[in-house]
Amino acid sequence: QINYLTAESGDRLFVILMSQSNAEEKVDIRFNAPDLGREPGTLKTAA
């Protein structure tokens, strides 16, 4: 139910999430850390 776009600015990743549902929706987002210059399991916080 969630459409998304991704964007980057070098040191920052943006995940733009857009719900297509008329109800509240829970979504899990998993990141591929090596694509972001990090080791797997080292991504701890997002905003």
ModelCIF file with pLDDT and N, C-alpha, C, O atoms, coordinates in Angstrom:
data_MODEL
#
_entry.id   MODEL 
#
_entity.id                         1 
_entity.type                       polymer 
_entity.pdbx_number_of_molecules   1 
#
_entity_poly.entity_id                      1 
_entity_poly.type                           'polypeptide(L)' 
_entity_poly.nstd_linkage                   no 
_entity_poly.nstd_monomer                   no 
_entity_poly.pdbx_seq_one_letter_code       QINYLTAESGDRLFVILMSQSNAEEKVDIRFNAPDLGREPGTLKTAA 
_entity_poly.pdbx_seq_one_letter_code_can   QINYLTAESGDRLFVILMSQSNAEEKVDIRFNAPDLGREPGTLKTAA 
_entity_poly.pdbx_strand_id                 A 
#
loop_
_entity_poly_seq.entity_id 
_entity_poly_seq.num 
_entity_poly_seq.mon_id 
_entity_poly_seq.hetero 
1 1  GLN n 
1 2  ILE n 
1 3  ASN n 
1 4  TYR n 
1 5  LEU n 
1 6  THR n 
1 7  ALA n 
1 8  GLU n 
1 9  SER n 
1 10 GLY n 
1 11 ASP n 
1 12 ARG n 
1 13 LEU n 
1 14 PHE n 
1 15 VAL n 
1 16 ILE n 
1 17 LEU n 
1 18 MET n 
1 19 SER n 
1 20 GLN n 
1 21 SER n 
1 22 ASN n 
1 23 ALA n 
1 24 GLU n 
1 25 GLU n 
1 26 LYS n 
1 27 VAL n 
1 28 ASP n 
1 29 ILE n 
1 30 ARG n 
1 31 PHE n 
1 32 ASN n 
1 33 ALA n 
1 34 PRO n 
1 35 ASP n 
1 36 LEU n 
1 37 GLY n 
1 38 ARG n 
1 39 GLU n 
1 40 PRO n 
1 41 GLY n 
1 42 THR n 
1 43 LEU n 
1 44 LYS n 
1 45 THR n 
1 46 ALA n 
1 47 ALA n 
#
_struct_asym.id          A 
_struct_asym.entity_id   1 
#
loop_
_ma_qa_metric.id 
_ma_qa_metric.mode 
_ma_qa_metric.name 
_ma_qa_metric.software_group_id 
_ma_qa_metric.type 
1 global pLDDT . pLDDT 
2 local  pLDDT . pLDDT 
#
_ma_qa_metric_global.metric_id      1 
_ma_qa_metric_global.metric_value   96.30 
_ma_qa_metric_global.model_id       1 
_ma_qa_metric_global.ordinal_id     1 
#
loop_
_ma_qa_metric_local.label_asym_id 
_ma_qa_metric_local.label_comp_id 
_ma_qa_metric_local.label_seq_id 
_ma_qa_metric_local.metric_id 
_ma_qa_metric_local.metric_value 
_ma_qa_metric_local.model_id 
_ma_qa_metric_local.ordinal_id 
A GLN 1  2 96.00 1 1  
A ILE 2  2 97.00 1 2  
A ASN 3  2 97.00 1 3  
A TYR 4  2 98.00 1 4  
A LEU 5  2 98.00 1 5  
A THR 6  2 98.00 1 6  
A ALA 7  2 98.00 1 7  
A GLU 8  2 97.00 1 8  
A SER 9  2 96.00 1 9  
A GLY 10 2 93.00 1 10 
A ASP 11 2 95.00 1 11 
A ARG 12 2 96.00 1 12 
A LEU 13 2 98.00 1 13 
A PHE 14 2 98.00 1 14 
A VAL 15 2 98.00 1 15 
A ILE 16 2 98.00 1 16 
A LEU 17 2 98.00 1 17 
A MET 18 2 98.00 1 18 
A SER 19 2 97.00 1 19 
A GLN 20 2 96.00 1 20 
A SER 21 2 96.00 1 21 
A ASN 22 2 96.00 1 22 
A ALA 23 2 97.00 1 23 
A GLU 24 2 97.00 1 24 
A GLU 25 2 97.00 1 25 
A LYS 26 2 97.00 1 26 
A VAL 27 2 97.00 1 27 
A ASP 28 2 97.00 1 28 
A ILE 29 2 97.00 1 29 
A ARG 30 2 97.00 1 30 
A PHE 31 2 97.00 1 31 
A ASN 32 2 97.00 1 32 
A ALA 33 2 96.00 1 33 
A PRO 34 2 95.00 1 34 
A ASP 35 2 94.00 1 35 
A LEU 36 2 95.00 1 36 
A GLY 37 2 93.00 1 37 
A ARG 38 2 95.00 1 38 
A GLU 39 2 95.00 1 39 
A PRO 40 2 96.00 1 40 
A GLY 41 2 95.00 1 41 
A THR 42 2 96.00 1 42 
A LEU 43 2 96.00 1 43 
A LYS 44 2 95.00 1 44 
A THR 45 2 94.00 1 45 
A ALA 46 2 95.00 1 46 
A ALA 47 2 94.00 1 47 
#
loop_
_atom_site.group_PDB 
_atom_site.id 
_atom_site.type_symbol 
_atom_site.label_atom_id 
_atom_site.label_alt_id 
_atom_site.label_comp_id 
_atom_site.label_asym_id 
_atom_site.label_entity_id 
_atom_site.label_seq_id 
_atom_site.pdbx_PDB_ins_code 
_atom_site.Cartn_x 
_atom_site.Cartn_y 
_atom_site.Cartn_z 
_atom_site.occupancy 
_atom_site.B_iso_or_equiv 
_atom_site.pdbx_formal_charge 
_atom_site.auth_seq_id 
_atom_site.auth_comp_id 
_atom_site.auth_asym_id 
_atom_site.auth_atom_id 
_atom_site.pdbx_PDB_model_num 
ATOM 1   N N  . GLN A 1 1  ? 0.811  -1.211 0.000  1.00 96.00 ? 1  GLN A N  1 
ATOM 2   C CA . GLN A 1 1  ? 0.000  0.000  0.000  1.00 96.00 ? 1  GLN A CA 1 
ATOM 3   C C  . GLN A 1 1  ? 0.852  1.272  0.000  1.00 96.00 ? 1  GLN A C  1 
ATOM 4   O O  . GLN A 1 1  ? 0.338  2.375  -0.186 1.00 96.00 ? 1  GLN A O  1 
ATOM 5   N N  . ILE A 1 2  ? 2.160  1.102  0.212  1.00 97.00 ? 2  ILE A N  1 
ATOM 6   C CA . ILE A 1 2  ? 3.038  2.261  0.340  1.00 97.00 ? 2  ILE A CA 1 
ATOM 7   C C  . ILE A 1 2  ? 3.894  2.403  -0.906 1.00 97.00 ? 2  ILE A C  1 
ATOM 8   O O  . ILE A 1 2  ? 4.738  1.553  -1.188 1.00 97.00 ? 2  ILE A O  1 
ATOM 9   N N  . ASN A 1 3  ? 3.676  3.483  -1.655 1.00 97.00 ? 3  ASN A N  1 
ATOM 10  C CA . ASN A 1 3  ? 4.587  3.849  -2.734 1.00 97.00 ? 3  ASN A CA 1 
ATOM 11  C C  . ASN A 1 3  ? 5.751  4.631  -2.138 1.00 97.00 ? 3  ASN A C  1 
ATOM 12  O O  . ASN A 1 3  ? 5.615  5.261  -1.089 1.00 97.00 ? 3  ASN A O  1 
ATOM 13  N N  . TYR A 1 4  ? 6.901  4.586  -2.818 1.00 98.00 ? 4  TYR A N  1 
ATOM 14  C CA . TYR A 1 4  ? 8.040  5.316  -2.254 1.00 98.00 ? 4  TYR A CA 1 
ATOM 15  C C  . TYR A 1 4  ? 9.002  5.773  -3.344 1.00 98.00 ? 4  TYR A C  1 
ATOM 16  O O  . TYR A 1 4  ? 9.054  5.207  -4.436 1.00 98.00 ? 4  TYR A O  1 
ATOM 17  N N  . LEU A 1 5  ? 9.758  6.813  -3.013 1.00 98.00 ? 5  LEU A N  1 
ATOM 18  C CA . LEU A 1 5  ? 10.881 7.308  -3.805 1.00 98.00 ? 5  LEU A CA 1 
ATOM 19  C C  . LEU A 1 5  ? 12.087 7.408  -2.889 1.00 98.00 ? 5  LEU A C  1 
ATOM 20  O O  . LEU A 1 5  ? 11.938 7.606  -1.683 1.00 98.00 ? 5  LEU A O  1 
ATOM 21  N N  . THR A 1 6  ? 13.283 7.272  -3.452 1.00 98.00 ? 6  THR A N  1 
ATOM 22  C CA . THR A 1 6  ? 14.502 7.481  -2.680 1.00 98.00 ? 6  THR A CA 1 
ATOM 23  C C  . THR A 1 6  ? 15.333 8.572  -3.344 1.00 98.00 ? 6  THR A C  1 
ATOM 24  O O  . THR A 1 6  ? 15.348 8.716  -4.567 1.00 98.00 ? 6  THR A O  1 
ATOM 25  N N  . ALA A 1 7  ? 16.023 9.332  -2.501 1.00 98.00 ? 7  ALA A N  1 
ATOM 26  C CA . ALA A 1 7  ? 16.910 10.393 -2.979 1.00 98.00 ? 7  ALA A CA 1 
ATOM 27  C C  . ALA A 1 7  ? 18.105 10.464 -2.039 1.00 98.00 ? 7  ALA A C  1 
ATOM 28  O O  . ALA A 1 7  ? 18.049 9.978  -0.909 1.00 98.00 ? 7  ALA A O  1 
ATOM 29  N N  . GLU A 1 8  ? 19.194 11.077 -2.519 1.00 97.00 ? 8  GLU A N  1 
ATOM 30  C CA . GLU A 1 8  ? 20.396 11.170 -1.688 1.00 97.00 ? 8  GLU A CA 1 
ATOM 31  C C  . GLU A 1 8  ? 21.108 12.488 -1.939 1.00 97.00 ? 8  GLU A C  1 
ATOM 32  O O  . GLU A 1 8  ? 20.986 13.097 -3.002 1.00 97.00 ? 8  GLU A O  1 
ATOM 33  N N  . SER A 1 9  ? 21.860 12.912 -0.917 1.00 96.00 ? 9  SER A N  1 
ATOM 34  C CA . SER A 1 9  ? 22.647 14.138 -1.036 1.00 96.00 ? 9  SER A CA 1 
ATOM 35  C C  . SER A 1 9  ? 24.068 13.934 -0.520 1.00 96.00 ? 9  SER A C  1 
ATOM 36  O O  . SER A 1 9  ? 24.675 14.852 0.031  1.00 96.00 ? 9  SER A O  1 
ATOM 37  N N  . GLY A 1 10 ? 24.591 12.729 -0.703 1.00 93.00 ? 10 GLY A N  1 
ATOM 38  C CA . GLY A 1 10 ? 25.974 12.443 -0.303 1.00 93.00 ? 10 GLY A CA 1 
ATOM 39  C C  . GLY A 1 10 ? 26.064 11.855 1.081  1.00 93.00 ? 10 GLY A C  1 
ATOM 40  O O  . GLY A 1 10 ? 26.451 10.697 1.239  1.00 93.00 ? 10 GLY A O  1 
ATOM 41  N N  . ASP A 1 11 ? 25.714 12.633 2.089  1.00 95.00 ? 11 ASP A N  1 
ATOM 42  C CA . ASP A 1 11 ? 25.765 12.142 3.469  1.00 95.00 ? 11 ASP A CA 1 
ATOM 43  C C  . ASP A 1 11 ? 24.386 11.835 4.031  1.00 95.00 ? 11 ASP A C  1 
ATOM 44  O O  . ASP A 1 11 ? 24.260 11.478 5.202  1.00 95.00 ? 11 ASP A O  1 
ATOM 45  N N  . ARG A 1 12 ? 23.334 11.973 3.193  1.00 96.00 ? 12 ARG A N  1 
ATOM 46  C CA . ARG A 1 12 ? 21.976 11.785 3.694  1.00 96.00 ? 12 ARG A CA 1 
ATOM 47  C C  . ARG A 1 12 ? 21.139 11.023 2.666  1.00 96.00 ? 12 ARG A C  1 
ATOM 48  O O  . ARG A 1 12 ? 21.238 11.265 1.463  1.00 96.00 ? 12 ARG A O  1 
ATOM 49  N N  . LEU A 1 13 ? 20.311 10.094 3.164  1.00 98.00 ? 13 LEU A N  1 
ATOM 50  C CA . LEU A 1 13 ? 19.361 9.376  2.333  1.00 98.00 ? 13 LEU A CA 1 
ATOM 51  C C  . LEU A 1 13 ? 17.956 9.816  2.706  1.00 98.00 ? 13 LEU A C  1 
ATOM 52  O O  . LEU A 1 13 ? 17.642 9.976  3.886  1.00 98.00 ? 13 LEU A O  1 
ATOM 53  N N  . PHE A 1 14 ? 17.105 10.012 1.694  1.00 98.00 ? 14 PHE A N  1 
ATOM 54  C CA . PHE A 1 14 ? 15.706 10.347 1.895  1.00 98.00 ? 14 PHE A CA 1 
ATOM 55  C C  . PHE A 1 14 ? 14.851 9.201  1.367  1.00 98.00 ? 14 PHE A C  1 
ATOM 56  O O  . PHE A 1 14 ? 15.067 8.732  0.249  1.00 98.00 ? 14 PHE A O  1 
ATOM 57  N N  . VAL A 1 15 ? 13.882 8.746  2.158  1.00 98.00 ? 15 VAL A N  1 
ATOM 58  C CA . VAL A 1 15 ? 12.895 7.774  1.704  1.00 98.00 ? 15 VAL A CA 1 
ATOM 59  C C  . VAL A 1 15 ? 11.532 8.446  1.815  1.00 98.00 ? 15 VAL A C  1 
ATOM 60  O O  . VAL A 1 15 ? 11.037 8.690  2.916  1.00 98.00 ? 15 VAL A O  1 
ATOM 61  N N  . ILE A 1 16 ? 10.936 8.742  0.670  1.00 98.00 ? 16 ILE A N  1 
ATOM 62  C CA . ILE A 1 16 ? 9.655  9.448  0.606  1.00 98.00 ? 16 ILE A CA 1 
ATOM 63  C C  . ILE A 1 16 ? 8.549  8.399  0.515  1.00 98.00 ? 16 ILE A C  1 
ATOM 64  O O  . ILE A 1 16 ? 8.446  7.691  -0.486 1.00 98.00 ? 16 ILE A O  1 
ATOM 65  N N  . LEU A 1 17 ? 7.737  8.299  1.536  1.00 98.00 ? 17 LEU A N  1 
ATOM 66  C CA . LEU A 1 17 ? 6.710  7.267  1.648  1.00 98.00 ? 17 LEU A CA 1 
ATOM 67  C C  . LEU A 1 17 ? 5.329  7.879  1.422  1.00 98.00 ? 17 LEU A C  1 
ATOM 68  O O  . LEU A 1 17 ? 4.992  8.904  2.015  1.00 98.00 ? 17 LEU A O  1 
ATOM 69  N N  . MET A 1 18 ? 4.531  7.240  0.557  1.00 98.00 ? 18 MET A N  1 
ATOM 70  C CA . MET A 1 18 ? 3.213  7.761  0.212  1.00 98.00 ? 18 MET A CA 1 
ATOM 71  C C  . MET A 1 18 ? 2.188  6.633  0.312  1.00 98.00 ? 18 MET A C  1 
ATOM 72  O O  . MET A 1 18 ? 2.206  5.703  -0.495 1.00 98.00 ? 18 MET A O  1 
ATOM 73  N N  . SER A 1 19 ? 1.307  6.713  1.287  1.00 97.00 ? 19 SER A N  1 
ATOM 74  C CA . SER A 1 19 ? 0.307  5.671  1.473  1.00 97.00 ? 19 SER A CA 1 
ATOM 75  C C  . SER A 1 19 ? -0.827 5.830  0.467  1.00 97.00 ? 19 SER A C  1 
ATOM 76  O O  . SER A 1 19 ? -1.329 6.932  0.243  1.00 97.00 ? 19 SER A O  1 
ATOM 77  N N  . GLN A 1 20 ? -1.217 4.715  -0.132 1.00 96.00 ? 20 GLN A N  1 
ATOM 78  C CA . GLN A 1 20 ? -2.345 4.718  -1.070 1.00 96.00 ? 20 GLN A CA 1 
ATOM 79  C C  . GLN A 1 20 ? -3.634 4.234  -0.406 1.00 96.00 ? 20 GLN A C  1 
ATOM 80  O O  . GLN A 1 20 ? -4.679 4.148  -1.051 1.00 96.00 ? 20 GLN A O  1 
ATOM 81  N N  . SER A 1 21 ? -3.552 3.926  0.864  1.00 96.00 ? 21 SER A N  1 
ATOM 82  C CA . SER A 1 21 ? -4.675 3.329  1.581  1.00 96.00 ? 21 SER A CA 1 
ATOM 83  C C  . SER A 1 21 ? -5.522 4.390  2.266  1.00 96.00 ? 21 SER A C  1 
ATOM 84  O O  . SER A 1 21 ? -5.024 5.439  2.674  1.00 96.00 ? 21 SER A O  1 
ATOM 85  N N  . ASN A 1 22 ? -6.797 4.099  2.381  1.00 96.00 ? 22 ASN A N  1 
ATOM 86  C CA . ASN A 1 22 ? -7.702 4.978  3.128  1.00 96.00 ? 22 ASN A CA 1 
ATOM 87  C C  . ASN A 1 22 ? -7.741 4.625  4.614  1.00 96.00 ? 22 ASN A C  1 
ATOM 88  O O  . ASN A 1 22 ? -8.519 5.198  5.378  1.00 96.00 ? 22 ASN A O  1 
ATOM 89  N N  . ALA A 1 23 ? -6.899 3.682  5.010  1.00 97.00 ? 23 ALA A N  1 
ATOM 90  C CA . ALA A 1 23 ? -6.805 3.298  6.422  1.00 97.00 ? 23 ALA A CA 1 
ATOM 91  C C  . ALA A 1 23 ? -5.372 3.528  6.908  1.00 97.00 ? 23 ALA A C  1 
ATOM 92  O O  . ALA A 1 23 ? -4.460 3.718  6.102  1.00 97.00 ? 23 ALA A O  1 
ATOM 93  N N  . GLU A 1 24 ? -5.183 3.510  8.206  1.00 97.00 ? 24 GLU A N  1 
ATOM 94  C CA . GLU A 1 24 ? -3.847 3.621  8.778  1.00 97.00 ? 24 GLU A CA 1 
ATOM 95  C C  . GLU A 1 24 ? -3.030 2.394  8.392  1.00 97.00 ? 24 GLU A C  1 
ATOM 96  O O  . GLU A 1 24 ? -3.537 1.273  8.429  1.00 97.00 ? 24 GLU A O  1 
ATOM 97  N N  . GLU A 1 25 ? -1.767 2.601  8.024  1.00 97.00 ? 25 GLU A N  1 
ATOM 98  C CA . GLU A 1 25 ? -0.930 1.504  7.546  1.00 97.00 ? 25 GLU A CA 1 
ATOM 99  C C  . GLU A 1 25 ? 0.417  1.495  8.260  1.00 97.00 ? 25 GLU A C  1 
ATOM 100 O O  . GLU A 1 25 ? 1.076  2.529  8.376  1.00 97.00 ? 25 GLU A O  1 
ATOM 101 N N  . LYS A 1 26 ? 0.820  0.319  8.737  1.00 97.00 ? 26 LYS A N  1 
ATOM 102 C CA . LYS A 1 26 ? 2.144  0.121  9.317  1.00 97.00 ? 26 LYS A CA 1 
ATOM 103 C C  . LYS A 1 26 ? 3.079  -0.393 8.227  1.00 97.00 ? 26 LYS A C  1 
ATOM 104 O O  . LYS A 1 26 ? 2.676  -1.217 7.405  1.00 97.00 ? 26 LYS A O  1 
ATOM 105 N N  . VAL A 1 27 ? 4.309  0.079  8.212  1.00 97.00 ? 27 VAL A N  1 
ATOM 106 C CA . VAL A 1 27 ? 5.255  -0.337 7.184  1.00 97.00 ? 27 VAL A CA 1 
ATOM 107 C C  . VAL A 1 27 ? 6.639  -0.516 7.802  1.00 97.00 ? 27 VAL A C  1 
ATOM 108 O O  . VAL A 1 27 ? 7.077  0.295  8.617  1.00 97.00 ? 27 VAL A O  1 
ATOM 109 N N  . ASP A 1 28 ? 7.314  -1.582 7.406  1.00 97.00 ? 28 ASP A N  1 
ATOM 110 C CA . ASP A 1 28 ? 8.697  -1.839 7.799  1.00 97.00 ? 28 ASP A CA 1 
ATOM 111 C C  . ASP A 1 28 ? 9.608  -1.506 6.617  1.00 97.00 ? 28 ASP A C  1 
ATOM 112 O O  . ASP A 1 28 ? 9.367  -1.947 5.494  1.00 97.00 ? 28 ASP A O  1 
ATOM 113 N N  . ILE A 1 29 ? 10.654 -0.724 6.881  1.00 97.00 ? 29 ILE A N  1 
ATOM 114 C CA . ILE A 1 29 ? 11.612 -0.329 5.854  1.00 97.00 ? 29 ILE A CA 1 
ATOM 115 C C  . ILE A 1 29 ? 12.981 -0.875 6.234  1.00 97.00 ? 29 ILE A C  1 
ATOM 116 O O  . ILE A 1 29 ? 13.508 -0.547 7.297  1.00 97.00 ? 29 ILE A O  1 
ATOM 117 N N  . ARG A 1 30 ? 13.555 -1.697 5.378  1.00 97.00 ? 30 ARG A N  1 
ATOM 118 C CA . ARG A 1 30 ? 14.882 -2.270 5.637  1.00 97.00 ? 30 ARG A CA 1 
ATOM 119 C C  . ARG A 1 30 ? 15.880 -1.673 4.641  1.00 97.00 ? 30 ARG A C  1 
ATOM 120 O O  . ARG A 1 30 ? 15.616 -1.616 3.440  1.00 97.00 ? 30 ARG A O  1 
ATOM 121 N N  . PHE A 1 31 ? 17.029 -1.230 5.159  1.00 97.00 ? 31 PHE A N  1 
ATOM 122 C CA . PHE A 1 31 ? 18.041 -0.564 4.351  1.00 97.00 ? 31 PHE A CA 1 
ATOM 123 C C  . PHE A 1 31 ? 19.197 -1.514 4.050  1.00 97.00 ? 31 PHE A C  1 
ATOM 124 O O  . PHE A 1 31 ? 19.549 -2.361 4.872  1.00 97.00 ? 31 PHE A O  1 
ATOM 125 N N  . ASN A 1 32 ? 19.777 -1.363 2.874  1.00 97.00 ? 32 ASN A N  1 
ATOM 126 C CA . ASN A 1 32 ? 20.989 -2.109 2.523  1.00 97.00 ? 32 ASN A CA 1 
ATOM 127 C C  . ASN A 1 32 ? 22.197 -1.250 2.884  1.00 97.00 ? 32 ASN A C  1 
ATOM 128 O O  . ASN A 1 32 ? 22.608 -0.392 2.103  1.00 97.00 ? 32 ASN A O  1 
ATOM 129 N N  . ALA A 1 33 ? 22.760 -1.481 4.063  1.00 96.00 ? 33 ALA A N  1 
ATOM 130 C CA . ALA A 1 33 ? 23.797 -0.611 4.622  1.00 96.00 ? 33 ALA A CA 1 
ATOM 131 C C  . ALA A 1 33 ? 24.997 -0.429 3.699  1.00 96.00 ? 33 ALA A C  1 
ATOM 132 O O  . ALA A 1 33 ? 25.475 0.700  3.589  1.00 96.00 ? 33 ALA A O  1 
ATOM 133 N N  . PRO A 1 34 ? 25.530 -1.470 3.015  1.00 95.00 ? 34 PRO A N  1 
ATOM 134 C CA . PRO A 1 34 ? 26.698 -1.259 2.155  1.00 95.00 ? 34 PRO A CA 1 
ATOM 135 C C  . PRO A 1 34 ? 26.474 -0.222 1.057  1.00 95.00 ? 34 PRO A C  1 
ATOM 136 O O  . PRO A 1 34 ? 27.413 0.474  0.671  1.00 95.00 ? 34 PRO A O  1 
ATOM 137 N N  . ASP A 1 35 ? 25.251 -0.106 0.548  1.00 94.00 ? 35 ASP A N  1 
ATOM 138 C CA . ASP A 1 35 ? 24.972 0.922  -0.457 1.00 94.00 ? 35 ASP A CA 1 
ATOM 139 C C  . ASP A 1 35 ? 25.107 2.322  0.111  1.00 94.00 ? 35 ASP A C  1 
ATOM 140 O O  . ASP A 1 35 ? 25.249 3.291  -0.635 1.00 94.00 ? 35 ASP A O  1 
ATOM 141 N N  . LEU A 1 36 ? 25.062 2.427  1.440  1.00 95.00 ? 36 LEU A N  1 
ATOM 142 C CA . LEU A 1 36 ? 25.116 3.722  2.114  1.00 95.00 ? 36 LEU A CA 1 
ATOM 143 C C  . LEU A 1 36 ? 26.481 3.976  2.747  1.00 95.00 ? 36 LEU A C  1 
ATOM 144 O O  . LEU A 1 36 ? 26.646 4.906  3.537  1.00 95.00 ? 36 LEU A O  1 
ATOM 145 N N  . GLY A 1 37 ? 27.456 3.141  2.394  1.00 93.00 ? 37 GLY A N  1 
ATOM 146 C CA . GLY A 1 37 ? 28.800 3.301  2.934  1.00 93.00 ? 37 GLY A CA 1 
ATOM 147 C C  . GLY A 1 37 ? 28.953 2.863  4.370  1.00 93.00 ? 37 GLY A C  1 
ATOM 148 O O  . GLY A 1 37 ? 29.856 3.326  5.066  1.00 93.00 ? 37 GLY A O  1 
ATOM 149 N N  . ARG A 1 38 ? 28.081 1.970  4.830  1.00 95.00 ? 38 ARG A N  1 
ATOM 150 C CA . ARG A 1 38 ? 28.123 1.504  6.214  1.00 95.00 ? 38 ARG A CA 1 
ATOM 151 C C  . ARG A 1 38 ? 28.153 -0.015 6.254  1.00 95.00 ? 38 ARG A C  1 
ATOM 152 O O  . ARG A 1 38 ? 27.734 -0.680 5.307  1.00 95.00 ? 38 ARG A O  1 
ATOM 153 N N  . GLU A 1 39 ? 28.653 -0.559 7.363  1.00 95.00 ? 39 GLU A N  1 
ATOM 154 C CA . GLU A 1 39 ? 28.651 -1.995 7.561  1.00 95.00 ? 39 GLU A CA 1 
ATOM 155 C C  . GLU A 1 39 ? 27.250 -2.469 7.959  1.00 95.00 ? 39 GLU A C  1 
ATOM 156 O O  . GLU A 1 39 ? 26.524 -1.731 8.625  1.00 95.00 ? 39 GLU A O  1 
ATOM 157 N N  . PRO A 1 40 ? 26.858 -3.681 7.566  1.00 96.00 ? 40 PRO A N  1 
ATOM 158 C CA . PRO A 1 40 ? 25.548 -4.193 7.965  1.00 96.00 ? 40 PRO A CA 1 
ATOM 159 C C  . PRO A 1 40 ? 25.364 -4.170 9.474  1.00 96.00 ? 40 PRO A C  1 
ATOM 160 O O  . PRO A 1 40 ? 26.275 -4.524 10.223 1.00 96.00 ? 40 PRO A O  1 
ATOM 161 N N  . GLY A 1 41 ? 24.198 -3.759 9.912  1.00 95.00 ? 41 GLY A N  1 
ATOM 162 C CA . GLY A 1 41 ? 23.888 -3.725 11.334 1.00 95.00 ? 41 GLY A CA 1 
ATOM 163 C C  . GLY A 1 41 ? 24.315 -2.473 12.053 1.00 95.00 ? 41 GLY A C  1 
ATOM 164 O O  . GLY A 1 41 ? 24.095 -2.358 13.258 1.00 95.00 ? 41 GLY A O  1 
ATOM 165 N N  . THR A 1 42 ? 24.930 -1.508 11.343 1.00 96.00 ? 42 THR A N  1 
ATOM 166 C CA . THR A 1 42 ? 25.442 -0.306 12.006 1.00 96.00 ? 42 THR A CA 1 
ATOM 167 C C  . THR A 1 42 ? 24.517 0.898  11.873 1.00 96.00 ? 42 THR A C  1 
ATOM 168 O O  . THR A 1 42 ? 24.811 1.957  12.427 1.00 96.00 ? 42 THR A O  1 
ATOM 169 N N  . LEU A 1 43 ? 23.407 0.761  11.150 1.00 96.00 ? 43 LEU A N  1 
ATOM 170 C CA . LEU A 1 43 ? 22.447 1.862  11.053 1.00 96.00 ? 43 LEU A CA 1 
ATOM 171 C C  . LEU A 1 43 ? 21.542 1.809  12.284 1.00 96.00 ? 43 LEU A C  1 
ATOM 172 O O  . LEU A 1 43 ? 20.779 0.859  12.458 1.00 96.00 ? 43 LEU A O  1 
ATOM 173 N N  . LYS A 1 44 ? 21.628 2.816  13.122 1.00 95.00 ? 44 LYS A N  1 
ATOM 174 C CA . LYS A 1 44 ? 20.942 2.768  14.416 1.00 95.00 ? 44 LYS A CA 1 
ATOM 175 C C  . LYS A 1 44 ? 19.780 3.740  14.544 1.00 95.00 ? 44 LYS A C  1 
ATOM 176 O O  . LYS A 1 44 ? 18.804 3.436  15.230 1.00 95.00 ? 44 LYS A O  1 
ATOM 177 N N  . THR A 1 45 ? 19.858 4.913  13.896 1.00 94.00 ? 45 THR A N  1 
ATOM 178 C CA . THR A 1 45 ? 18.783 5.889  14.059 1.00 94.00 ? 45 THR A CA 1 
ATOM 179 C C  . THR A 1 45 ? 18.425 6.511  12.716 1.00 94.00 ? 45 THR A C  1 
ATOM 180 O O  . THR A 1 45 ? 19.263 6.606  11.819 1.00 94.00 ? 45 THR A O  1 
ATOM 181 N N  . ALA A 1 46 ? 17.188 6.928  12.592 1.00 95.00 ? 46 ALA A N  1 
ATOM 182 C CA . ALA A 1 46 ? 16.690 7.666  11.445 1.00 95.00 ? 46 ALA A CA 1 
ATOM 183 C C  . ALA A 1 46 ? 15.854 8.818  11.968 1.00 95.00 ? 46 ALA A C  1 
ATOM 184 O O  . ALA A 1 46 ? 15.604 8.919  13.169 1.00 95.00 ? 46 ALA A O  1 
ATOM 185 N N  . ALA A 1 47 ? 15.429 9.671  11.080 1.00 94.00 ? 47 ALA A N  1 
ATOM 186 C CA . ALA A 1 47 ? 14.596 10.808 11.482 1.00 94.00 ? 47 ALA A CA 1 
ATOM 187 C C  . ALA A 1 47 ? 13.427 10.940 10.521 1.00 94.00 ? 47 ALA A C  1 
ATOM 188 O O  . ALA A 1 47 ? 12.597 11.836 10.677 1.00 94.00 ? 47 ALA A O  1 
#
